[in-house]
């Protein structure tokens, strides 16, 4: 359990210097994506690359279908993940 919170405690002082409330919100989104990729066993670099391509091709309305959880629980996409 201690190792799970270590990154949060180490970064705590750094987060004081995010410059703005918006910067804090964006940092929270980034950390959430990173941790969800870890939780669902996705390679972060591959996830970000494929998600950005899909959003460009399909539009931002498809974003809800591209979350780490959605990609690992959807049967067809689960097969894609295993094949990769």
Protein backbone atom coordinates (compact mmCIF):
# COMPACT_ATOMS: atom_id res chain seq x y z
CA UNK A 1 0.00 0.00 0.00
CA UNK A 2 2.82 2.41 0.82
CA UNK A 3 4.33 1.99 -2.64
CA UNK A 4 0.99 2.82 -4.24
CA UNK A 5 0.89 6.30 -2.69
CA UNK A 6 4.60 7.07 -2.98
CA UNK A 7 4.35 8.85 -6.40
CA UNK A 8 1.57 11.04 -5.02
CA UNK A 9 3.62 12.08 -2.02
CA UNK A 10 6.78 12.65 -4.06
CA UNK A 11 4.98 14.91 -6.50
CA UNK A 12 2.99 16.82 -3.92
CA UNK A 13 5.41 19.77 -3.65
CA UNK A 14 5.84 19.91 -7.42
CA UNK A 15 2.11 20.23 -7.93
CA UNK A 16 2.12 23.52 -6.03
CA UNK A 17 3.74 25.04 -9.11
CA UNK A 18 1.23 24.07 -11.78
CA UNK A 19 0.73 27.80 -12.49
CA UNK A 20 -3.07 27.72 -12.64
CA UNK A 21 -6.22 25.86 -11.76
CA UNK A 22 -6.48 24.73 -15.40
CA UNK A 23 -2.96 23.32 -15.20
CA UNK A 24 -3.99 21.31 -12.16
CA UNK A 25 -7.05 19.98 -13.96
CA UNK A 26 -4.96 18.90 -16.96
CA UNK A 27 -2.40 17.24 -14.68
CA UNK A 28 -5.21 15.33 -12.96
CA UNK A 29 -6.51 14.13 -16.33
CA UNK A 30 -3.03 13.01 -17.38
CA UNK A 31 -2.42 11.12 -14.12
CA UNK A 32 -5.85 9.48 -14.40
CA UNK A 33 -5.12 8.24 -17.93
CA UNK A 34 -1.71 6.92 -16.88
CA UNK A 35 -3.07 5.07 -13.85
CA UNK A 36 -6.01 3.61 -15.78
CA UNK A 37 -3.68 2.28 -18.46
CA UNK A 38 -1.63 0.64 -15.70
CA UNK A 39 -4.77 -0.76 -14.07
CA UNK A 40 -6.07 -2.33 -17.29
CA UNK A 41 -2.68 -3.53 -18.52
CA UNK A 42 -2.39 -1.24 -21.53
CA UNK A 43 0.86 0.11 -22.91
CA UNK A 44 0.56 3.86 -22.36
CA UNK A 45 2.44 4.90 -25.50
CA UNK A 46 0.41 2.57 -27.72
CA UNK A 47 -2.84 3.61 -26.04
CA UNK A 48 -2.18 7.33 -26.55
CA UNK A 49 -1.07 6.83 -30.15
CA UNK A 50 -4.08 4.73 -31.15
CA UNK A 51 -6.52 6.94 -29.23
CA UNK A 52 -5.27 10.13 -30.86
CA UNK A 53 -5.51 8.54 -34.30
CA UNK A 54 -9.06 7.32 -33.58
CA UNK A 55 -10.17 10.74 -32.34
CA UNK A 56 -8.76 12.39 -35.46
CA UNK A 57 -10.49 9.85 -37.73
CA UNK A 58 -13.80 9.47 -35.85
CA UNK A 59 -14.11 12.83 -34.10
CA UNK A 60 -14.21 13.71 -30.41
CA UNK A 61 -17.67 12.16 -29.95
CA UNK A 62 -15.98 8.74 -29.98
CA UNK A 63 -13.83 9.56 -26.95
CA UNK A 64 -16.13 7.75 -24.49
CA UNK A 65 -15.55 4.51 -26.42
CA UNK A 66 -11.78 4.93 -26.23
CA UNK A 67 -11.22 4.90 -22.48
CA UNK A 68 -8.86 2.25 -21.11
CA UNK A 69 -11.78 0.47 -19.45
CA UNK A 70 -13.91 0.53 -22.60
CA UNK A 71 -11.06 -0.88 -24.68
CA UNK A 72 -10.49 -3.80 -22.31
CA UNK A 73 -14.14 -4.68 -21.65
CA UNK A 74 -15.51 -4.49 -25.22
CA UNK A 75 -15.33 -8.06 -26.65
CA UNK A 76 -14.11 -7.09 -30.14
CA UNK A 77 -11.50 -4.69 -28.82
CA UNK A 78 -10.35 -7.22 -26.23
CA UNK A 79 -9.46 -9.56 -29.11
CA UNK A 80 -7.55 -6.69 -30.78
CA UNK A 81 -5.57 -6.10 -27.60
CA UNK A 82 -4.64 -9.78 -27.33
CA UNK A 83 -3.61 -9.91 -30.99
CA UNK A 84 -1.31 -6.88 -30.62
